[in-house]
Amino acid sequence: MRVTALDNSHARARLFPQEPVQISALVLIYLALLCVSLVVVSEDVNPAFHIGYNRQFLTAASISVAALGCCFQLFSIARFSFGYLVSFYMLSIVAGYLWLSFFTPLRYDLTIARWSAALSLIAFLIPAMFVTKAFTPRFKLTVRRVDQVVYGVLIVAALTVAYASSFDFHLIGFIEGEALRSQFQYPAWLNYPIGASVSAALPFSYAWAVHRRRYGLAAIALAIGASFYPVTLNKLTLFAPLWLIGLTVLLKFFSVRLCVILSLFIPLALGLIIKTFDASEVSLPFRLVNFRMIAIPASGLDHYNHFFSNHPLTHFCQIQVIGRLFDCSLPSQLGVSLAAQYATGNYNASLFASEGIASVGPYFAPIAALLCGLVIAVGNKASAGLNHQFVFLSGSILALVLMNVPLSTAMLSHGAVILFALWFATPREEGL
């Protein structure tokens, strides 16, 4: 029997009558808190990241972020979708960049870059948030078949961990692991099943198990996800299970749309609070959230704008398929090239920096962002009609990934295509 989604508009209006006002207020407060966080980050960050602050430009930076904040109305009127989740994370990146651009020591046409970033965000938001109609006709698995798919995912993920551990396995902290990670020697092809498992397949399995109230199966999915850390030393593999648990708890108290905003708002605020009481440069929560998760994607736009103001554009040749098809492959990955230029480590960045600035430059970046928004809309259409909490949980890790890697990388190396296919085939039935 087909059922209405958990948070259809009528039920949501009854359960959360003040939700649009709450969302608008939270988005605006988040943007203000984001600016405060970036100021604090600038106080002890490595100068190589070019994250600065100067009170002389405070008013101009504040006006710029406030103008972008007009997008808050979109989040109060749009219904939840995967694109809604990704769009808020993209708003955080662009707002952060606009703020940082007024204090950067890097020299390029900042006015053009700011307008390009703002227009790119708007071009992305429109399809990503409002193209949501389901595909027809729809192929659907039965609930039992999806159960079997989840079992298969868990088995394949566990076998992937076992195979990867035959090459490298280290039970050390993530700070020590940052230096060691680049020395790992497992085959390059193994990055695909690892990325797809951590970012897409295991979160889907966890979300399915939670909504089927099979909590033992959910725990197994989390345990397998965490077991990828010793073989990758990637912070995402270590913290993804904790992120999923945190979001699951959040969903017990708030609507899905509020949870989207709070998923960044709460960690950002907690990082600032902890930094207040732990002023050391190695304050781990602040370093992980406020610096690495929030500031670095925004700073990435700054570096990509500067780098490609005096380097040739890639014309999408950084994407392996295009590079091989048109015989234009780059001599090294973009992240490696920027690491060599700025000494900041492997500097991958979001779709605004890679598919936008790097590929077509600031003038055509909004067009690239529009196309990226349409790709995200495919995820909306594939997941339309599913329980919104289920979509939120299963897509939450991929949304984090999209803050730090190109869309093309997320689609292939991190399994977004797999997740979209799983959503498409998942039954819209009671008990999901």
Protein backbone atom coordinates (compact mmCIF):
# COMPACT_ATOMS: atom_id res chain seq x y z
CA MET A 1 0.00 0.00 0.00
CA ARG A 2 1.38 3.39 -0.97
CA VAL A 3 1.64 5.87 1.89
CA THR A 4 2.16 9.58 2.09
CA ALA A 5 5.72 10.60 3.03
CA LEU A 6 6.34 11.08 6.74
CA ASP A 7 6.54 14.82 6.46
CA ASN A 8 3.93 15.71 3.87
CA SER A 9 2.90 19.33 3.92
CA HIS A 10 -0.38 18.88 5.83
CA ALA A 11 1.08 16.70 8.57
CA ARG A 12 4.10 18.95 8.82
CA ALA A 13 1.93 22.02 9.18
CA ARG A 14 0.10 20.40 12.10
CA LEU A 15 3.20 19.05 13.82
CA PHE A 16 5.49 22.04 13.25
CA PRO A 17 3.35 25.16 12.65
CA GLN A 18 6.28 27.49 13.33
CA GLU A 19 8.78 25.53 11.25
CA PRO A 20 9.26 28.11 8.43
CA VAL A 21 9.99 30.85 10.97
CA GLN A 22 12.35 28.58 12.88
CA ILE A 23 14.20 27.61 9.71
CA SER A 24 14.60 31.23 8.62
CA ALA A 25 15.90 32.24 12.04
CA LEU A 26 18.29 29.30 12.28
CA VAL A 27 19.75 29.91 8.81
CA LEU A 28 20.42 33.58 9.60
CA ILE A 29 21.91 32.78 13.01
CA TYR A 30 24.02 30.05 11.43
CA LEU A 31 25.48 32.52 8.90
CA ALA A 32 26.36 34.93 11.71
CA LEU A 33 27.91 32.11 13.73
CA LEU A 34 29.82 30.99 10.64
CA CYS A 35 31.46 34.40 10.36
CA VAL A 36 32.40 34.37 14.04
CA SER A 37 33.87 30.90 13.62
CA LEU A 38 36.00 32.01 10.66
CA VAL A 39 37.35 34.90 12.71
CA VAL A 40 38.37 32.50 15.47
CA VAL A 41 39.90 30.11 12.92
CA SER A 42 41.99 32.96 11.51
CA GLU A 43 43.62 33.56 14.88
CA ASP A 44 45.71 30.39 14.96
CA VAL A 45 45.55 28.82 11.49
CA ASN A 46 48.64 28.08 9.43
CA PRO A 47 49.36 31.15 7.22
CA ALA A 48 49.52 28.83 4.19
CA PHE A 49 45.71 28.59 4.26
CA HIS A 50 45.36 32.37 3.80
CA ILE A 51 42.45 32.54 6.25
CA GLY A 52 42.65 36.01 7.74
CA TYR A 53 40.68 38.77 9.41
CA ASN A 54 40.98 42.55 9.44
CA ARG A 55 38.43 44.74 11.23
CA GLN A 56 38.87 47.35 8.52
CA PHE A 57 36.80 45.19 6.14
CA LEU A 58 34.28 43.91 8.69
CA THR A 59 31.36 46.00 7.41
CA ALA A 60 31.86 45.07 3.76
CA ALA A 61 32.21 41.37 4.58
CA SER A 62 29.11 41.43 6.78
CA ILE A 63 27.02 43.13 4.10
CA SER A 64 28.15 40.57 1.53
CA VAL A 65 27.17 37.60 3.70
CA ALA A 66 23.92 39.30 4.73
CA ALA A 67 22.99 39.81 1.07
CA LEU A 68 23.58 36.13 0.40
CA GLY A 69 21.52 35.38 3.49
CA CYS A 70 18.42 36.40 1.54
CA CYS A 71 18.48 32.78 0.33
CA PHE A 72 17.10 31.80 3.73
CA GLN A 73 13.59 32.21 2.34
CA LEU A 74 14.21 29.34 -0.06
CA PHE A 75 14.88 26.98 2.83
CA SER A 76 11.67 27.99 4.58
CA ILE A 77 9.45 27.39 1.53
CA ALA A 78 11.08 24.39 -0.16
CA ARG A 79 10.07 20.88 0.82
CA PHE A 80 12.72 18.49 2.05
CA SER A 81 14.69 16.54 -0.53
CA PHE A 82 18.25 15.31 -0.93
CA GLY A 83 18.91 18.53 -2.82
CA TYR A 84 17.61 20.53 0.16
CA LEU A 85 20.25 18.89 2.34
CA VAL A 86 23.08 19.44 -0.14
CA SER A 87 21.94 23.02 -0.83
CA PHE A 88 22.30 24.11 2.78
CA TYR A 89 25.82 22.69 2.89
CA MET A 90 26.64 24.54 -0.34
CA LEU A 91 25.25 27.76 1.17
CA SER A 92 27.72 27.33 4.03
CA ILE A 93 30.62 27.05 1.58
CA VAL A 94 29.72 30.10 -0.49
CA ALA A 95 28.87 32.27 2.53
CA GLY A 96 32.18 31.29 4.08
CA TYR A 97 34.02 32.17 0.90
CA LEU A 98 32.37 35.58 0.60
CA TRP A 99 33.47 36.35 4.15
CA LEU A 100 37.04 35.13 3.65
CA SER A 101 37.41 36.94 0.33
CA PHE A 102 37.50 40.30 2.10
CA PHE A 103 40.53 39.27 4.16
CA THR A 104 42.51 37.08 1.78
CA PRO A 105 46.08 38.10 0.92
CA LEU A 106 45.76 36.34 -2.45
CA ARG A 107 45.46 38.70 -5.40
CA TYR A 108 42.93 38.11 -8.19
CA ASP A 109 39.72 39.80 -9.37
CA LEU A 110 37.79 39.46 -6.13
CA THR A 111 34.70 41.32 -7.34
CA ILE A 112 34.18 38.95 -10.25
CA ALA A 113 34.90 35.95 -8.01
CA ARG A 114 32.33 37.04 -5.41
CA TRP A 115 29.60 37.60 -7.97
CA SER A 116 30.46 34.30 -9.62
CA ALA A 117 30.21 32.44 -6.30
CA ALA A 118 26.88 34.03 -5.39
CA LEU A 119 25.32 33.44 -8.82
CA SER A 120 26.68 29.89 -8.86
CA LEU A 121 24.97 29.19 -5.56
CA ILE A 122 21.63 30.53 -6.80
CA ALA A 123 21.96 28.61 -10.08
CA PHE A 124 22.63 25.44 -8.08
CA LEU A 125 19.85 25.95 -5.53
CA ILE A 126 16.99 26.34 -7.99
CA PRO A 127 17.13 22.86 -9.57
CA ALA A 128 18.61 21.15 -6.50
CA MET A 129 15.77 22.33 -4.24
CA PHE A 130 12.78 22.55 -6.55
CA VAL A 131 13.14 19.78 -9.16
CA THR A 132 11.68 16.95 -7.10
CA LYS A 133 8.99 15.18 -9.13
CA ALA A 134 9.41 11.40 -9.14
CA PHE A 135 10.57 9.45 -12.17
CA THR A 136 7.87 7.49 -14.03
CA PRO A 137 7.51 4.63 -14.68
CA ARG A 138 9.26 3.33 -11.57
CA PHE A 139 11.04 0.04 -11.06
CA LYS A 140 10.67 -1.10 -7.45
CA LEU A 141 12.12 -3.92 -5.42
CA THR A 142 10.12 -5.60 -2.72
CA VAL A 143 10.97 -4.97 0.93
CA ARG A 144 12.40 -8.47 1.13
CA ARG A 145 14.63 -7.83 -1.88
CA VAL A 146 15.95 -4.61 -0.34
CA ASP A 147 16.71 -6.58 2.83
CA GLN A 148 18.77 -8.94 0.68
CA VAL A 149 20.52 -6.01 -1.00
CA VAL A 150 21.46 -4.64 2.42
CA TYR A 151 22.85 -8.03 3.46
CA GLY A 152 24.86 -8.07 0.26
CA VAL A 153 26.17 -4.56 0.90
CA LEU A 154 27.33 -5.52 4.38
CA ILE A 155 29.07 -8.65 3.10
CA VAL A 156 30.81 -6.83 0.25
CA ALA A 157 31.87 -3.99 2.57
CA ALA A 158 33.26 -6.44 5.12
CA LEU A 159 35.18 -8.31 2.41
CA THR A 160 36.54 -4.98 1.13
CA VAL A 161 37.84 -4.15 4.60
CA ALA A 162 39.42 -7.58 4.92
CA TYR A 163 41.13 -7.30 1.54
CA ALA A 164 42.33 -3.74 2.13
CA SER A 165 43.76 -4.72 5.52
CA SER A 166 46.14 -7.12 3.77
CA PHE A 167 47.94 -4.07 2.38
CA ASP A 168 47.88 -1.66 5.33
CA PHE A 169 46.34 -1.71 8.78
CA HIS A 170 47.12 0.85 11.50
CA LEU A 171 45.34 1.44 14.80
CA ILE A 172 46.53 4.99 15.42
CA GLY A 173 44.94 8.40 15.98
CA PHE A 174 43.82 10.49 13.04
CA ILE A 175 46.39 13.22 13.75
CA GLU A 176 49.24 10.72 13.50
CA GLY A 177 47.47 9.12 10.55
CA GLU A 178 47.50 12.29 8.43
CA ALA A 179 51.21 11.89 7.69
CA LEU A 180 51.03 8.12 7.21
CA ARG A 181 47.98 8.04 4.94
CA SER A 182 49.87 9.20 1.85
CA GLN A 183 52.19 6.20 2.15
CA PHE A 184 49.43 3.59 1.77
CA GLN A 185 50.06 1.20 -1.10
CA TYR A 186 46.78 -0.60 -1.78
CA PRO A 187 45.64 -0.73 -5.44
CA ALA A 188 44.04 2.42 -6.83
CA TRP A 189 40.88 0.54 -7.89
CA LEU A 190 40.20 -0.22 -4.23
CA ASN A 191 39.37 3.45 -3.68
CA TYR A 192 36.07 2.90 -5.50
CA PRO A 193 34.54 0.17 -3.31
CA ILE A 194 35.89 1.88 -0.19
CA GLY A 195 34.46 5.28 -1.13
CA ALA A 196 31.14 3.86 -2.28
CA SER A 197 30.78 1.78 0.88
CA VAL A 198 31.55 4.57 3.34
CA SER A 199 29.68 7.41 1.59
CA ALA A 200 26.66 5.68 0.07
CA ALA A 201 26.08 1.95 0.53
CA LEU A 202 26.63 1.67 4.29
CA PRO A 203 24.65 4.84 5.15
CA PHE A 204 21.81 3.48 3.00
CA SER A 205 22.01 0.15 4.83
CA TYR A 206 22.05 1.88 8.21
CA ALA A 207 19.07 4.09 7.33
CA TRP A 208 17.13 1.10 6.00
CA ALA A 209 17.83 -0.90 9.16
CA VAL A 210 16.82 2.01 11.43
CA HIS A 211 13.53 2.57 9.62
CA ARG A 212 12.84 -1.16 9.67
CA ARG A 213 13.66 -1.04 13.41
CA ARG A 214 16.34 -3.65 12.98
CA TYR A 215 18.81 -2.01 15.30
CA GLY A 216 21.22 -4.94 15.43
CA LEU A 217 21.63 -4.72 11.67
CA ALA A 218 22.11 -0.95 11.97
CA ALA A 219 24.87 -1.52 14.54
CA ILE A 220 26.60 -3.96 12.19
CA ALA A 221 26.52 -1.36 9.40
CA LEU A 222 28.10 1.22 11.72
CA ALA A 223 30.76 -1.23 12.91
CA ILE A 224 31.75 -2.16 9.37
CA GLY A 225 31.91 1.53 8.46
CA ALA A 226 34.21 2.29 11.39
CA SER A 227 36.42 -0.69 10.49
CA PHE A 228 37.45 1.12 7.31
CA TYR A 229 39.46 3.62 9.38
CA PRO A 230 42.51 1.41 10.13
CA VAL A 231 42.87 0.60 6.43
CA THR A 232 42.38 4.17 5.15
CA LEU A 233 43.24 6.50 8.07
CA ASN A 234 40.58 8.78 6.64
CA LYS A 235 38.75 10.93 9.20
CA LEU A 236 35.45 10.48 7.37
CA THR A 237 35.51 6.71 7.91
CA LEU A 238 36.10 7.22 11.62
CA PHE A 239 33.45 9.86 12.23
CA ALA A 240 30.74 8.82 9.74
CA PRO A 241 29.22 6.31 12.21
CA LEU A 242 29.15 8.97 14.94
CA TRP A 243 27.59 11.44 12.50
CA LEU A 244 24.85 8.97 11.60
CA ILE A 245 24.11 8.24 15.25
CA GLY A 246 23.96 11.96 16.04
CA LEU A 247 21.54 12.64 13.20
CA THR A 248 19.38 9.71 14.27
CA VAL A 249 19.07 11.20 17.75
CA LEU A 250 18.35 14.63 16.28
CA LEU A 251 15.47 13.22 14.25
CA LYS A 252 13.77 12.12 17.48
CA PHE A 253 13.24 15.76 18.47
CA PHE A 254 13.05 17.88 15.31
CA SER A 255 11.53 17.87 11.85
CA VAL A 256 13.74 16.79 8.96
CA ARG A 257 14.20 20.30 7.56
CA LEU A 258 15.23 21.63 10.96
CA CYS A 259 17.63 18.71 11.31
CA VAL A 260 19.33 19.76 8.07
CA ILE A 261 20.11 23.19 9.51
CA LEU A 262 21.00 21.83 12.94
CA SER A 263 23.34 19.23 11.46
CA LEU A 264 25.85 22.03 10.81
CA PHE A 265 24.60 24.56 13.36
CA ILE A 266 25.11 22.35 16.43
CA PRO A 267 28.65 21.11 15.59
CA LEU A 268 29.74 24.64 14.64
CA ALA A 269 28.39 26.08 17.90
CA LEU A 270 29.85 23.28 20.01
CA GLY A 271 33.24 23.77 18.38
CA LEU A 272 33.20 27.46 19.31
CA ILE A 273 32.09 26.72 22.87
CA ILE A 274 34.79 24.10 23.36
CA LYS A 275 37.40 26.43 21.85
CA THR A 276 36.42 29.03 24.45
CA PHE A 277 37.43 26.64 27.23
CA ASP A 278 40.27 24.95 25.35
CA ALA A 279 42.24 27.71 23.66
CA SER A 280 45.07 25.41 22.53
CA GLU A 281 45.86 25.16 18.84
CA VAL A 282 45.03 21.44 18.92
CA SER A 283 41.47 21.75 20.23
CA LEU A 284 40.20 18.66 18.40
CA PRO A 285 36.47 19.44 18.03
CA PHE A 286 37.25 22.95 16.80
CA ARG A 287 39.92 21.66 14.44
CA LEU A 288 37.70 18.94 13.00
CA VAL A 289 34.49 20.92 12.61
CA ASN A 290 35.14 24.65 12.50
CA PHE A 291 38.43 24.42 10.63
CA ARG A 292 38.42 21.22 8.57
CA MET A 293 34.73 20.70 7.87
CA ILE A 294 33.55 24.32 7.57
CA ALA A 295 36.48 26.66 6.86
CA ILE A 296 38.51 24.53 4.44
CA PRO A 297 35.78 24.14 1.76
CA ALA A 298 35.27 27.93 1.81
CA SER A 299 39.01 28.53 1.69
CA GLY A 300 39.21 26.11 -1.22
CA LEU A 301 37.22 28.53 -3.38
CA ASP A 302 39.73 31.25 -2.54
CA HIS A 303 42.69 29.11 -3.57
CA TYR A 304 41.06 27.80 -6.74
CA ASN A 305 40.13 31.32 -7.82
CA HIS A 306 43.69 32.48 -7.28
CA PHE A 307 45.32 29.44 -8.89
CA PHE A 308 43.21 29.56 -12.04
CA SER A 309 43.57 33.31 -12.40
CA ASN A 310 47.11 32.58 -13.65
CA HIS A 311 46.87 28.96 -14.83
CA PRO A 312 45.00 27.46 -17.82
CA LEU A 313 41.47 26.20 -17.21
CA THR A 314 40.97 22.43 -17.24
CA HIS A 315 37.79 22.31 -19.39
CA PHE A 316 36.72 19.28 -17.29
CA CYS A 317 39.81 17.30 -18.30
CA GLN A 318 40.45 16.57 -14.60
CA ILE A 319 37.58 14.07 -14.91
CA GLN A 320 39.28 10.83 -15.96
CA VAL A 321 36.64 9.80 -18.49
CA ILE A 322 36.79 13.16 -20.28
CA GLY A 323 40.57 13.33 -20.04
CA ARG A 324 40.96 9.95 -21.73
CA LEU A 325 38.18 10.50 -24.26
CA PHE A 326 39.61 13.80 -25.52
CA ASP A 327 43.26 12.99 -24.76
CA CYS A 328 43.58 15.97 -22.43
CA SER A 329 44.32 14.32 -19.07
CA LEU A 330 46.07 16.58 -16.59
CA PRO A 331 49.64 15.72 -15.53
CA SER A 332 48.46 15.50 -11.90
CA GLN A 333 45.22 15.70 -9.95
CA LEU A 334 43.93 19.17 -9.10
CA GLY A 335 44.35 18.59 -5.37
CA VAL A 336 47.98 17.60 -5.88
CA SER A 337 48.67 20.64 -8.10
CA LEU A 338 47.23 23.03 -5.52
CA ALA A 339 49.08 21.27 -2.72
CA ALA A 340 52.35 21.89 -4.55
CA GLN A 341 51.44 25.56 -5.05
CA TYR A 342 50.18 26.40 -1.56
CA ALA A 343 51.69 23.72 0.74
CA THR A 344 48.31 22.99 2.32
CA GLY A 345 48.07 19.26 1.66
CA ASN A 346 45.97 17.56 -1.01
CA TYR A 347 43.42 20.31 -1.68
CA ASN A 348 40.30 18.84 -3.25
CA ALA A 349 37.31 21.15 -3.22
CA SER A 350 33.59 21.36 -3.89
CA LEU A 351 31.80 21.47 -7.23
CA PHE A 352 31.89 25.29 -7.19
CA ALA A 353 35.70 25.18 -7.25
CA SER A 354 36.29 22.15 -9.47
CA GLU A 355 33.45 21.86 -12.00
CA GLY A 356 33.10 25.64 -11.76
CA ILE A 357 36.23 27.77 -11.37
CA ALA A 358 38.80 25.17 -12.44
CA SER A 359 36.89 23.92 -15.46
CA VAL A 360 35.26 26.99 -17.00
CA GLY A 361 36.39 30.01 -14.96
CA PRO A 362 34.35 32.51 -12.95
CA TYR A 363 32.25 33.85 -15.84
CA PHE A 364 30.77 30.47 -16.79
CA ALA A 365 30.88 28.89 -13.33
CA PRO A 366 27.15 29.63 -12.71
CA ILE A 367 26.25 27.57 -15.79
CA ALA A 368 28.35 24.68 -14.51
CA ALA A 369 26.67 25.03 -11.10
CA LEU A 370 23.24 24.91 -12.75
CA LEU A 371 24.16 21.64 -14.45
CA CYS A 372 25.47 20.26 -11.16
CA GLY A 373 22.19 21.24 -9.53
CA LEU A 374 20.34 19.26 -12.19
CA VAL A 375 22.49 16.22 -11.38
CA ILE A 376 21.54 16.54 -7.72
CA ALA A 377 17.92 16.85 -8.85
CA VAL A 378 18.24 13.34 -10.27
CA GLY A 379 18.77 12.22 -6.68
CA ASN A 380 15.65 14.15 -5.68
CA LYS A 381 13.60 12.42 -8.35
CA ALA A 382 15.04 9.00 -7.49
CA SER A 383 14.17 9.42 -3.80
CA ALA A 384 10.81 11.17 -4.27
CA GLY A 385 8.08 9.55 -2.20
CA LEU A 386 10.46 7.89 0.24
CA ASN A 387 10.34 8.58 3.96
CA HIS A 388 12.15 11.89 4.42
CA GLN A 389 13.99 10.72 7.52
CA PHE A 390 15.26 7.73 5.56
CA VAL A 391 16.52 9.95 2.72
CA PHE A 392 18.13 12.34 5.20
CA LEU A 393 20.05 9.59 6.99
CA SER A 394 21.06 7.67 3.88
CA GLY A 395 22.24 10.82 2.07
CA SER A 396 23.89 12.58 5.00
CA ILE A 397 27.44 11.28 4.48
CA LEU A 398 27.33 11.98 0.76
CA ALA A 399 26.29 15.57 1.54
CA LEU A 400 29.41 15.94 3.71
CA VAL A 401 31.53 14.48 0.93
CA LEU A 402 30.14 17.01 -1.55
CA MET A 403 31.54 19.82 0.58
CA ASN A 404 35.05 18.57 -0.09
CA VAL A 405 35.20 16.82 -3.46
CA PRO A 406 34.05 17.53 -7.03
CA LEU A 407 30.60 16.33 -8.01
CA SER A 408 32.12 13.99 -10.60
CA THR A 409 34.25 12.37 -7.89
CA ALA A 410 31.26 12.04 -5.58
CA MET A 411 29.17 10.42 -8.30
CA LEU A 412 31.74 7.76 -9.18
CA SER A 413 34.37 7.37 -6.45
CA HIS A 414 31.96 7.93 -3.55
CA GLY A 415 29.01 6.00 -4.90
CA ALA A 416 26.39 8.70 -5.48
CA VAL A 417 25.27 6.82 -8.59
CA ILE A 418 24.80 3.71 -6.46
CA LEU A 419 22.82 5.61 -3.84
CA PHE A 420 20.55 7.17 -6.47
CA ALA A 421 19.91 3.72 -7.93
CA LEU A 422 19.12 2.27 -4.50
CA TRP A 423 16.67 5.10 -3.80
CA PHE A 424 15.04 4.60 -7.18
CA ALA A 425 14.47 0.89 -6.52
CA THR A 426 13.37 1.21 -2.88
CA PRO A 427 9.65 0.49 -2.38
CA ARG A 428 7.35 3.27 -1.19
CA GLU A 429 5.51 1.05 1.25
CA GLU A 430 4.29 1.26 4.80
CA GLY A 431 6.82 0.04 7.33
CA LEU A 432 9.84 1.50 5.51
